[in-house]
Amino acid sequence: MEGVSESTTSVVAASVDLPPEEVAELRRIAVDLAESAAAHVRARRPEVFGPAGARADDAVQTKTHPTDPVTVVDTEAEELIRARLAEQRPGDPILGEEGGGSLAGAPDAVHWVVDPIDGTVNFLYGVPGYAVSVAAMRGGRSIAGAVVDVARAVTYSAGLGLGAISVDADGAVEHLRCTEADAVSMSLVATGFAYGKHRRTRQAALIAEVLPQVRDIRRFGAAALDLCYVAAGRVDAYFEHGLNAWDWGAGALIAAEAGAVLTLPPATAPGVDGDLVAAAAPGIAVELAALFDKIGATEPIPDR
């Protein structure tokens, strides 16, 4: 089984009635946008933060929680993407983490879903695990997307029905496939945590139940990269509650095109609802889903 769990809205696996050449063009644009923004982020970090982590007083602000930062570079990167997209696809609606927008409107329109820096805390601290994510969606379904690992200069991309690849800084291309894991007990599972105390407390309790059942747990700090790591076989599965469409829009398609089985909320579901996002190698998907159901991980964890 590949694609999206039958219990969720089909946002990456269903047909969108677009010819392959149009999907390929949307993928090319997503890669161009993500790589351009990633180059800006890469260049700006030493300028903004300087030596020993020093930074301008107005370079970092907070969002819904005091521990949830946004930097001036997040804003700049999204503005760059919006400007380039206006040149290449004038009139296409955009939903961005920092600049807002909506997925509502004509169901046949291509919407662009943008996370200018996924893993802002890593970016803030200089931990090499942050990414630019750009997805093209139509009717709430991801049809093309790109995720750029900024620090490592690796681009992951996919088009619906066209497979998933990564391209490193030297131009080496890798066709992505999930691992052949066939037992949850021997699986490396990635996860992430929210900023709100209520949700974090529940997530910690779930990890305490998952950890004894798996090989080990990893927490990298960027959902888009976690999904790409499933696609590339660096982890066997990933799960997290409370993501928004910009967190998973591109990465989920990349994972699905690499063979992963996904559980996703509707693209319009806000992260505050706390729905589960999960991706797993096909050989462990059923067993992992049963474990999640047993411990209550399939239930939403609202942010309150």
C-alpha atoms as a PDB file:
ATOM      1  CA  MET A   1       0.000   0.000   0.000  1.00  0.00           C
ATOM      2  CA  GLU A   2       1.287   3.454  -0.916  1.00  0.00           C
ATOM      3  CA  GLY A   3      -0.145   6.927  -0.590  1.00  0.00           C
ATOM      4  CA  VAL A   4      -2.538   8.148   2.074  1.00  0.00           C
ATOM      5  CA  SER A   5      -4.296   6.261   4.836  1.00  0.00           C
ATOM      6  CA  GLU A   6      -7.897   5.498   3.906  1.00  0.00           C
ATOM      7  CA  SER A   7      -9.058   7.105   7.144  1.00  0.00           C
ATOM      8  CA  THR A   8      -7.882  10.546   6.053  1.00  0.00           C
ATOM      9  CA  THR A   9      -8.587  13.032   3.321  1.00  0.00           C
ATOM     10  CA  SER A  10      -6.670  12.009   0.222  1.00  0.00           C
ATOM     11  CA  VAL A  11      -4.302  14.899  -0.303  1.00  0.00           C
ATOM     12  CA  VAL A  12      -1.414  13.311  -2.125  1.00  0.00           C
ATOM     13  CA  ALA A  13      -2.553  10.101  -3.716  1.00  0.00           C
ATOM     14  CA  ALA A  14      -5.681  10.951  -5.671  1.00  0.00           C
ATOM     15  CA  SER A  15      -5.716  11.886  -9.338  1.00  0.00           C
ATOM     16  CA  VAL A  16      -5.737  15.600 -10.101  1.00  0.00           C
ATOM     17  CA  ASP A  17      -6.274  15.274 -13.854  1.00  0.00           C
ATOM     18  CA  LEU A  18      -3.100  17.116 -14.807  1.00  0.00           C
ATOM     19  CA  PRO A  19      -0.812  15.907 -17.599  1.00  0.00           C
ATOM     20  CA  PRO A  20       2.647  14.745 -16.506  1.00  0.00           C
ATOM     21  CA  GLU A  21       4.352  17.628 -18.272  1.00  0.00           C
ATOM     22  CA  GLU A  22       2.341  20.156 -16.232  1.00  0.00           C
ATOM     23  CA  VAL A  23       3.149  18.337 -12.988  1.00  0.00           C
ATOM     24  CA  ALA A  24       6.821  18.340 -14.007  1.00  0.00           C
ATOM     25  CA  GLU A  25       6.693  22.089 -14.637  1.00  0.00           C
ATOM     26  CA  LEU A  26       5.126  22.740 -11.229  1.00  0.00           C
ATOM     27  CA  ARG A  27       7.860  20.610  -9.692  1.00  0.00           C
ATOM     28  CA  ARG A  28      10.514  22.650 -11.523  1.00  0.00           C
ATOM     29  CA  ILE A  29       9.017  25.876 -10.193  1.00  0.00           C
ATOM     30  CA  ALA A  30       8.833  24.497  -6.652  1.00  0.00           C
ATOM     31  CA  VAL A  31      12.520  23.556  -6.830  1.00  0.00           C
ATOM     32  CA  ASP A  32      13.461  26.979  -8.203  1.00  0.00           C
ATOM     33  CA  LEU A  33      11.535  28.797  -5.486  1.00  0.00           C
ATOM     34  CA  ALA A  34      12.852  26.636  -2.652  1.00  0.00           C
ATOM     35  CA  GLU A  35      16.456  26.755  -3.817  1.00  0.00           C
ATOM     36  CA  SER A  36      16.376  30.527  -4.325  1.00  0.00           C
ATOM     37  CA  ALA A  37      14.989  31.053  -0.828  1.00  0.00           C
ATOM     38  CA  ALA A  38      17.462  28.561   0.646  1.00  0.00           C
ATOM     39  CA  ALA A  39      20.372  30.450  -0.883  1.00  0.00           C
ATOM     40  CA  HIS A  40      19.059  33.645   0.724  1.00  0.00           C
ATOM     41  CA  VAL A  41      18.651  31.964   4.113  1.00  0.00           C
ATOM     42  CA  ARG A  42      22.138  30.463   3.890  1.00  0.00           C
ATOM     43  CA  ALA A  43      23.711  33.829   3.070  1.00  0.00           C
ATOM     44  CA  ARG A  44      21.744  35.820   5.617  1.00  0.00           C
ATOM     45  CA  ARG A  45      22.344  33.737   8.724  1.00  0.00           C
ATOM     46  CA  PRO A  46      25.921  34.951   9.373  1.00  0.00           C
ATOM     47  CA  GLU A  47      24.865  38.504   8.526  1.00  0.00           C
ATOM     48  CA  VAL A  48      21.974  38.533  10.985  1.00  0.00           C
ATOM     49  CA  PHE A  49      23.451  36.482  13.814  1.00  0.00           C
ATOM     50  CA  GLY A  50      27.130  37.334  13.519  1.00  0.00           C
ATOM     51  CA  PRO A  51      29.857  35.732  15.634  1.00  0.00           C
ATOM     52  CA  ALA A  52      29.023  33.679  18.733  1.00  0.00           C
ATOM     53  CA  GLY A  53      25.304  33.854  18.005  1.00  0.00           C
ATOM     54  CA  ALA A  54      25.072  37.644  18.409  1.00  0.00           C
ATOM     55  CA  ARG A  55      22.088  39.192  16.661  1.00  0.00           C
ATOM     56  CA  ALA A  56      20.240  42.448  16.230  1.00  0.00           C
ATOM     57  CA  ASP A  57      17.592  43.069  18.888  1.00  0.00           C
ATOM     58  CA  ASP A  58      14.776  43.107  16.321  1.00  0.00           C
ATOM     59  CA  ALA A  59      15.938  40.008  14.414  1.00  0.00           C
ATOM     60  CA  VAL A  60      13.774  37.549  16.393  1.00  0.00           C
ATOM     61  CA  GLN A  61      10.177  37.777  17.558  1.00  0.00           C
ATOM     62  CA  THR A  62       7.750  35.205  18.956  1.00  0.00           C
ATOM     63  CA  LYS A  63       4.435  33.882  17.659  1.00  0.00           C
ATOM     64  CA  THR A  64       1.760  31.884  19.498  1.00  0.00           C
ATOM     65  CA  HIS A  65       4.095  30.764  22.288  1.00  0.00           C
ATOM     66  CA  PRO A  66       7.161  32.428  23.837  1.00  0.00           C
ATOM     67  CA  THR A  67       9.287  29.477  22.675  1.00  0.00           C
ATOM     68  CA  ASP A  68       8.021  29.670  19.068  1.00  0.00           C
ATOM     69  CA  PRO A  69      10.297  32.138  17.223  1.00  0.00           C
ATOM     70  CA  VAL A  70      10.163  33.849  13.860  1.00  0.00           C
ATOM     71  CA  THR A  71      13.179  35.678  12.492  1.00  0.00           C
ATOM     72  CA  VAL A  72      13.588  38.489  10.026  1.00  0.00           C
ATOM     73  CA  VAL A  73      15.078  35.917   7.654  1.00  0.00           C
ATOM     74  CA  ASP A  74      11.850  33.854   7.713  1.00  0.00           C
ATOM     75  CA  THR A  75       9.970  36.927   6.548  1.00  0.00           C
ATOM     76  CA  GLU A  76      12.538  37.852   3.915  1.00  0.00           C
ATOM     77  CA  ALA A  77      12.608  34.323   2.487  1.00  0.00           C
ATOM     78  CA  GLU A  78       8.832  34.171   2.152  1.00  0.00           C
ATOM     79  CA  GLU A  79       8.741  37.593   0.499  1.00  0.00           C
ATOM     80  CA  LEU A  80      11.373  36.387  -1.980  1.00  0.00           C
ATOM     81  CA  ILE A  81       9.292  33.307  -2.821  1.00  0.00           C
ATOM     82  CA  ARG A  82       6.148  35.388  -3.270  1.00  0.00           C
ATOM     83  CA  ALA A  83       7.944  37.803  -5.595  1.00  0.00           C
ATOM     84  CA  ARG A  84       9.454  35.057  -7.764  1.00  0.00           C
ATOM     85  CA  LEU A  85       6.154  33.196  -7.902  1.00  0.00           C
ATOM     86  CA  ALA A  86       4.364  36.361  -9.048  1.00  0.00           C
ATOM     87  CA  GLU A  87       6.762  36.455 -11.995  1.00  0.00           C
ATOM     88  CA  GLN A  88       6.415  32.777 -12.933  1.00  0.00           C
ATOM     89  CA  ARG A  89       2.775  32.061 -11.996  1.00  0.00           C
ATOM     90  CA  PRO A  90       0.977  35.414 -11.700  1.00  0.00           C
ATOM     91  CA  GLY A  91      -2.368  35.117  -9.966  1.00  0.00           C
ATOM     92  CA  ASP A  92      -1.748  31.786  -8.223  1.00  0.00           C
ATOM     93  CA  PRO A  93      -2.897  31.970  -4.575  1.00  0.00           C
ATOM     94  CA  ILE A  94      -0.266  31.531  -1.854  1.00  0.00           C
ATOM     95  CA  LEU A  95      -0.544  30.243   1.711  1.00  0.00           C
ATOM     96  CA  GLY A  96       2.579  31.080   3.686  1.00  0.00           C
ATOM     97  CA  GLU A  97       3.434  30.477   7.312  1.00  0.00           C
ATOM     98  CA  GLU A  98       4.449  34.082   7.829  1.00  0.00           C
ATOM     99  CA  GLY A  99       2.420  35.980   5.217  1.00  0.00           C
ATOM    100  CA  GLY A 100      -0.867  34.122   5.547  1.00  0.00           C
ATOM    101  CA  GLY A 101      -3.297  33.269   2.765  1.00  0.00           C
ATOM    102  CA  SER A 102      -5.870  30.563   2.256  1.00  0.00           C
ATOM    103  CA  LEU A 103      -6.473  27.299   0.432  1.00  0.00           C
ATOM    104  CA  ALA A 104     -10.080  28.320  -0.202  1.00  0.00           C
ATOM    105  CA  GLY A 105     -11.230  29.299  -3.667  1.00  0.00           C
ATOM    106  CA  ALA A 106     -11.590  27.648  -7.051  1.00  0.00           C
ATOM    107  CA  PRO A 107     -10.906  23.903  -6.661  1.00  0.00           C
ATOM    108  CA  ASP A 108      -9.021  23.814  -9.963  1.00  0.00           C
ATOM    109  CA  ALA A 109      -6.615  26.598  -8.968  1.00  0.00           C
ATOM    110  CA  VAL A 110      -3.030  25.754  -8.072  1.00  0.00           C
ATOM    111  CA  HIS A 111      -2.251  27.007  -4.570  1.00  0.00           C
ATOM    112  CA  TRP A 112       1.316  27.392  -3.352  1.00  0.00           C
ATOM    113  CA  VAL A 113       1.988  26.437   0.259  1.00  0.00           C
ATOM    114  CA  VAL A 114       5.195  27.851   1.683  1.00  0.00           C
ATOM    115  CA  ASP A 115       7.274  27.414   4.826  1.00  0.00           C
ATOM    116  CA  PRO A 116      10.219  29.800   4.412  1.00  0.00           C
ATOM    117  CA  ILE A 117      12.188  28.223   7.270  1.00  0.00           C
ATOM    118  CA  ASP A 118      10.965  24.964   8.742  1.00  0.00           C
ATOM    119  CA  GLY A 119      13.032  24.398  11.869  1.00  0.00           C
ATOM    120  CA  THR A 120      13.445  28.020  12.912  1.00  0.00           C
ATOM    121  CA  VAL A 121      14.735  27.055  16.370  1.00  0.00           C
ATOM    122  CA  ASN A 122      17.523  25.042  14.714  1.00  0.00           C
ATOM    123  CA  PHE A 123      18.238  28.046  12.472  1.00  0.00           C
ATOM    124  CA  LEU A 124      18.295  30.329  15.496  1.00  0.00           C
ATOM    125  CA  TYR A 125      20.835  28.163  17.330  1.00  0.00           C
ATOM    126  CA  GLY A 126      22.921  27.263  14.290  1.00  0.00           C
ATOM    127  CA  VAL A 127      21.922  23.591  14.371  1.00  0.00           C
ATOM    128  CA  PRO A 128      22.153  22.254  10.781  1.00  0.00           C
ATOM    129  CA  GLY A 129      18.583  21.001  10.466  1.00  0.00           C
ATOM    130  CA  TYR A 130      16.331  23.627   8.854  1.00  0.00           C
ATOM    131  CA  ALA A 131      14.675  23.755   5.473  1.00  0.00           C
ATOM    132  CA  VAL A 132      12.666  25.724   2.937  1.00  0.00           C
ATOM    133  CA  SER A 133       9.483  23.941   1.870  1.00  0.00           C
ATOM    134  CA  VAL A 134       7.351  24.792  -1.179  1.00  0.00           C
ATOM    135  CA  ALA A 135       4.346  22.761  -2.339  1.00  0.00           C
ATOM    136  CA  ALA A 136       1.859  23.154  -5.172  1.00  0.00           C
ATOM    137  CA  MET A 137      -1.620  21.966  -4.196  1.00  0.00           C
ATOM    138  CA  ARG A 138      -4.779  21.596  -6.225  1.00  0.00           C
ATOM    139  CA  GLY A 139      -8.101  20.777  -4.612  1.00  0.00           C
ATOM    140  CA  GLY A 140      -6.319  20.245  -1.292  1.00  0.00           C
ATOM    141  CA  ARG A 141      -3.925  17.684  -2.811  1.00  0.00           C
ATOM    142  CA  SER A 142      -0.180  18.028  -3.093  1.00  0.00           C
ATOM    143  CA  ILE A 143       0.866  17.658  -6.725  1.00  0.00           C
ATOM    144  CA  ALA A 144       4.427  18.981  -6.684  1.00  0.00           C
ATOM    145  CA  GLY A 145       6.862  20.020  -4.016  1.00  0.00           C
ATOM    146  CA  ALA A 146      10.430  20.716  -2.996  1.00  0.00           C
ATOM    147  CA  VAL A 147      12.228  20.774   0.337  1.00  0.00           C
ATOM    148  CA  VAL A 148      15.751  22.176   0.560  1.00  0.00           C
ATOM    149  CA  ASP A 149      17.998  21.219   3.465  1.00  0.00           C
ATOM    150  CA  VAL A 150      19.603  24.651   3.725  1.00  0.00           C
ATOM    151  CA  ALA A 151      22.781  23.858   5.656  1.00  0.00           C
ATOM    152  CA  ARG A 152      23.608  20.761   3.601  1.00  0.00           C
ATOM    153  CA  ALA A 153      22.428  22.210   0.259  1.00  0.00           C
ATOM    154  CA  VAL A 154      20.377  19.102  -0.581  1.00  0.00           C
ATOM    155  CA  THR A 155      17.142  19.451  -2.558  1.00  0.00           C
ATOM    156  CA  TYR A 156      14.364  16.870  -2.195  1.00  0.00           C
ATOM    157  CA  SER A 157      11.530  17.059  -4.722  1.00  0.00           C
ATOM    158  CA  ALA A 158       8.596  15.131  -6.122  1.00  0.00           C
ATOM    159  CA  GLY A 159       5.759  15.364  -8.597  1.00  0.00           C
ATOM    160  CA  LEU A 160       2.557  13.372  -8.301  1.00  0.00           C
ATOM    161  CA  GLY A 161       3.160  10.154 -10.242  1.00  0.00           C
ATOM    162  CA  LEU A 162       6.693  11.192 -11.185  1.00  0.00           C
ATOM    163  CA  GLY A 163       8.615   9.798  -8.212  1.00  0.00           C
ATOM    164  CA  ALA A 164      10.855  11.510  -5.674  1.00  0.00           C
ATOM    165  CA  ILE A 165      14.529  12.432  -5.904  1.00  0.00           C
ATOM    166  CA  SER A 166      17.228  14.267  -3.999  1.00  0.00           C
ATOM    167  CA  VAL A 167      20.047  16.296  -5.524  1.00  0.00           C
ATOM    168  CA  ASP A 168      23.081  17.137  -3.412  1.00  0.00           C
ATOM    169  CA  ALA A 169      25.433  20.106  -3.601  1.00  0.00           C
ATOM    170  CA  ASP A 170      27.591  18.299  -6.176  1.00  0.00           C
ATOM    171  CA  GLY A 171      24.621  17.542  -8.418  1.00  0.00           C
ATOM    172  CA  ALA A 172      24.420  13.842  -7.576  1.00  0.00           C
ATOM    173  CA  VAL A 173      20.868  12.552  -8.034  1.00  0.00           C
ATOM    174  CA  GLU A 174      19.308   9.879  -5.805  1.00  0.00           C
ATOM    175  CA  HIS A 175      15.960   8.265  -6.563  1.00  0.00           C
ATOM    176  CA  LEU A 176      14.272   7.976  -3.189  1.00  0.00           C
ATOM    177  CA  ARG A 177      12.705   4.850  -1.706  1.00  0.00           C
ATOM    178  CA  CYS A 178      11.614   4.025   1.811  1.00  0.00           C
ATOM    179  CA  THR A 179      13.393   1.348   3.777  1.00  0.00           C
ATOM    180  CA  GLU A 180      12.362  -2.303   3.627  1.00  0.00           C
ATOM    181  CA  ALA A 181      11.707  -2.392   7.371  1.00  0.00           C
ATOM    182  CA  ASP A 182       9.218  -5.102   8.286  1.00  0.00           C
ATOM    183  CA  ALA A 183       9.013  -4.898  12.079  1.00  0.00           C
ATOM    184  CA  VAL A 184       8.224  -1.918  14.275  1.00  0.00           C
ATOM    185  CA  SER A 185      10.508  -3.319  16.971  1.00  0.00           C
ATOM    186  CA  MET A 186      13.516  -2.775  14.686  1.00  0.00           C
ATOM    187  CA  SER A 187      12.412   0.603  13.325  1.00  0.00           C
ATOM    188  CA  LEU A 188      13.979   4.026  13.803  1.00  0.00           C
ATOM    189  CA  VAL A 189      11.138   6.495  14.319  1.00  0.00           C
ATOM    190  CA  ALA A 190      11.352  10.287  14.094  1.00  0.00           C
ATOM    191  CA  THR A 191       9.004  12.663  15.873  1.00  0.00           C
ATOM    192  CA  GLY A 192       8.571  16.287  16.854  1.00  0.00           C
ATOM    193  CA  PHE A 193       7.098  18.339  19.673  1.00  0.00           C
ATOM    194  CA  ALA A 194       4.829  21.363  19.836  1.00  0.00           C
ATOM    195  CA  TYR A 195       5.475  24.627  21.689  1.00  0.00           C
ATOM    196  CA  GLY A 196       2.346  24.628  23.885  1.00  0.00           C
ATOM    197  CA  LYS A 197       2.662  23.010  27.318  1.00  0.00           C
ATOM    198  CA  HIS A 198      -0.576  20.990  27.070  1.00  0.00           C
ATOM    199  CA  ARG A 199       0.298  19.337  23.785  1.00  0.00           C
ATOM    200  CA  ARG A 200       3.940  18.778  24.733  1.00  0.00           C
ATOM    201  CA  THR A 201       2.870  16.988  27.917  1.00  0.00           C
ATOM    202  CA  ARG A 202       0.686  14.574  25.960  1.00  0.00           C
ATOM    203  CA  GLN A 203       3.367  14.081  23.313  1.00  0.00           C
ATOM    204  CA  ALA A 204       5.881  13.185  26.005  1.00  0.00           C
ATOM    205  CA  ALA A 205       3.484  10.602  27.394  1.00  0.00           C
ATOM    206  CA  LEU A 206       3.033   9.060  23.945  1.00  0.00           C
ATOM    207  CA  ILE A 207       6.803   8.862  23.398  1.00  0.00           C
ATOM    208  CA  ALA A 208       7.122   7.021  26.701  1.00  0.00           C
ATOM    209  CA  GLU A 209       4.775   4.379  25.278  1.00  0.00           C
ATOM    210  CA  VAL A 210       6.301   4.252  21.790  1.00  0.00           C
ATOM    211  CA  LEU A 211       9.961   4.122  22.816  1.00  0.00           C
ATOM    212  CA  PRO A 212       9.955   0.606  24.341  1.00  0.00           C
ATOM    213  CA  GLN A 213       8.301  -0.729  21.167  1.00  0.00           C
ATOM    214  CA  VAL A 214      10.831   0.551  18.593  1.00  0.00           C
ATOM    215  CA  ARG A 215      14.567   0.479  17.876  1.00  0.00           C
ATOM    216  CA  ASP A 216      14.951   4.132  18.874  1.00  0.00           C
ATOM    217  CA  ILE A 217      13.496   7.638  18.567  1.00  0.00           C
ATOM    218  CA  ARG A 218      14.974  10.630  16.747  1.00  0.00           C
ATOM    219  CA  ARG A 219      13.969  14.291  17.058  1.00  0.00           C
ATOM    220  CA  PHE A 220      15.521  16.442  14.326  1.00  0.00           C
ATOM    221  CA  GLY A 221      13.393  19.569  14.658  1.00  0.00           C
ATOM    222  CA  ALA A 222      12.032  20.153  11.135  1.00  0.00           C
ATOM    223  CA  ALA A 223       8.914  18.294   9.991  1.00  0.00           C
ATOM    224  CA  ALA A 224       9.611  18.786   6.280  1.00  0.00           C
ATOM    225  CA  LEU A 225      13.029  17.146   6.654  1.00  0.00           C
ATOM    226  CA  ASP A 226      11.594  14.355   8.818  1.00  0.00           C
ATOM    227  CA  LEU A 227       9.257  13.414   5.962  1.00  0.00           C
ATOM    228  CA  CYS A 228      12.118  13.569   3.468  1.00  0.00           C
ATOM    229  CA  TYR A 229      14.170  11.323   5.746  1.00  0.00           C
ATOM    230  CA  VAL A 230      11.397   8.725   5.571  1.00  0.00           C
ATOM    231  CA  ALA A 231      11.531   9.014   1.783  1.00  0.00           C
ATOM    232  CA  ALA A 232      15.320   8.661   1.728  1.00  0.00           C
ATOM    233  CA  GLY A 233      15.366   5.719   4.142  1.00  0.00           C
ATOM    234  CA  ARG A 234      17.191   7.590   6.909  1.00  0.00           C
ATOM    235  CA  VAL A 235      14.356   6.750   9.287  1.00  0.00           C
ATOM    236  CA  ASP A 236      11.645   4.128   8.980  1.00  0.00           C
ATOM    237  CA  ALA A 237       8.745   6.289  10.153  1.00  0.00           C
ATOM    238  CA  TYR A 238       7.766   9.707  11.472  1.00  0.00           C
ATOM    239  CA  PHE A 239       4.813  11.042  13.433  1.00  0.00           C
ATOM    240  CA  GLU A 240       3.792  14.345  14.987  1.00  0.00           C
ATOM    241  CA  HIS A 241       0.621  16.142  16.070  1.00  0.00           C
ATOM    242  CA  GLY A 242      -0.418  19.690  15.272  1.00  0.00           C
ATOM    243  CA  LEU A 243       1.247  20.454  11.953  1.00  0.00           C
ATOM    244  CA  ASN A 244      -0.070  22.919   9.389  1.00  0.00           C
ATOM    245  CA  ALA A 245      -0.216  22.344   5.638  1.00  0.00           C
ATOM    246  CA  TRP A 246       2.979  24.343   5.096  1.00  0.00           C
ATOM    247  CA  ASP A 247       4.823  21.912   7.394  1.00  0.00           C
ATOM    248  CA  TRP A 248       3.864  18.764   5.488  1.00  0.00           C
ATOM    249  CA  GLY A 249       2.641  19.862   2.033  1.00  0.00           C
ATOM    250  CA  ALA A 250       5.862  19.157   0.144  1.00  0.00           C
ATOM    251  CA  GLY A 251       7.415  16.556   2.441  1.00  0.00           C
ATOM    252  CA  ALA A 252       4.335  14.337   2.496  1.00  0.00           C
ATOM    253  CA  LEU A 253       4.274  14.140  -1.301  1.00  0.00           C
ATOM    254  CA  ILE A 254       7.992  13.335  -1.388  1.00  0.00           C
ATOM    255  CA  ALA A 255       7.463  10.546   1.168  1.00  0.00           C
ATOM    256  CA  ALA A 256       4.425   9.180  -0.683  1.00  0.00           C
ATOM    257  CA  GLU A 257       6.236   9.139  -4.023  1.00  0.00           C
ATOM    258  CA  ALA A 258       9.029   7.188  -2.308  1.00  0.00           C
ATOM    259  CA  GLY A 259       6.534   4.531  -1.217  1.00  0.00           C
ATOM    260  CA  ALA A 260       5.540   5.686   2.260  1.00  0.00           C
ATOM    261  CA  VAL A 261       2.088   5.183   3.737  1.00  0.00           C
ATOM    262  CA  LEU A 262       0.752   8.439   5.146  1.00  0.00           C
ATOM    263  CA  THR A 263      -1.856   9.597   7.617  1.00  0.00           C
ATOM    264  CA  LEU A 264      -2.737  13.240   6.974  1.00  0.00           C
ATOM    265  CA  PRO A 265      -5.434  15.707   8.001  1.00  0.00           C
ATOM    266  CA  PRO A 266      -7.264  17.801   5.407  1.00  0.00           C
ATOM    267  CA  ALA A 267      -4.982  20.492   4.036  1.00  0.00           C
ATOM    268  CA  THR A 268      -7.303  23.143   5.465  1.00  0.00           C
ATOM    269  CA  ALA A 269      -7.131  21.766   9.025  1.00  0.00           C
ATOM    270  CA  PRO A 270      -5.356  24.237  11.324  1.00  0.00           C
ATOM    271  CA  GLY A 271      -2.450  23.018  13.396  1.00  0.00           C
ATOM    272  CA  VAL A 272      -4.179  24.098  16.602  1.00  0.00           C
ATOM    273  CA  ASP A 273      -6.594  21.182  16.108  1.00  0.00           C
ATOM    274  CA  GLY A 274      -3.706  18.817  16.794  1.00  0.00           C
ATOM    275  CA  ASP A 275      -4.338  16.176  14.131  1.00  0.00           C
ATOM    276  CA  LEU A 276      -1.832  13.383  13.589  1.00  0.00           C
ATOM    277  CA  VAL A 277       0.584  13.411  10.675  1.00  0.00           C
ATOM    278  CA  ALA A 278       2.422  10.137  10.136  1.00  0.00           C
ATOM    279  CA  ALA A 279       4.547   8.524   7.443  1.00  0.00           C
ATOM    280  CA  ALA A 280       5.862   4.982   7.500  1.00  0.00           C
ATOM    281  CA  ALA A 281       7.722   2.557   5.298  1.00  0.00           C
ATOM    282  CA  PRO A 282       5.124   0.219   3.782  1.00  0.00           C
ATOM    283  CA  GLY A 283       6.410  -2.885   5.560  1.00  0.00           C
ATOM    284  CA  ILE A 284       5.634  -1.470   9.012  1.00  0.00           C
ATOM    285  CA  ALA A 285       2.678   0.785   8.261  1.00  0.00           C
ATOM    286  CA  VAL A 286      -0.073  -1.565   9.446  1.00  0.00           C
ATOM    287  CA  GLU A 287       1.779  -2.589  12.609  1.00  0.00           C
ATOM    288  CA  LEU A 288       2.661   1.007  13.468  1.00  0.00           C
ATOM    289  CA  ALA A 289      -0.917   2.158  12.879  1.00  0.00           C
ATOM    290  CA  ALA A 290      -2.125  -0.561  15.267  1.00  0.00           C
ATOM    291  CA  LEU A 291       0.355   0.615  17.905  1.00  0.00           C
ATOM    292  CA  PHE A 292      -0.752   4.229  17.497  1.00  0.00           C
ATOM    293  CA  ASP A 293      -4.394   3.193  17.790  1.00  0.00           C
ATOM    294  CA  LYS A 294      -3.668   1.142  20.924  1.00  0.00           C
ATOM    295  CA  ILE A 295      -1.947   4.013  22.768  1.00  0.00           C
ATOM    296  CA  GLY A 296      -4.334   6.725  21.552  1.00  0.00           C
ATOM    297  CA  ALA A 297      -1.859   8.469  19.252  1.00  0.00           C
ATOM    298  CA  THR A 298      -4.424   8.649  16.456  1.00  0.00           C
ATOM    299  CA  GLU A 299      -6.506  11.082  18.511  1.00  0.00           C
ATOM    300  CA  PRO A 300      -5.943  14.828  17.999  1.00  0.00           C
ATOM    301  CA  ILE A 301      -4.043  16.780  20.648  1.00  0.00           C
ATOM    302  CA  PRO A 302      -5.518  20.301  20.613  1.00  0.00           C
ATOM    303  CA  ASP A 303      -3.271  23.206  21.514  1.00  0.00           C
ATOM    304  CA  ARG A 304      -4.842  24.771  24.586  1.00  0.00           C
END
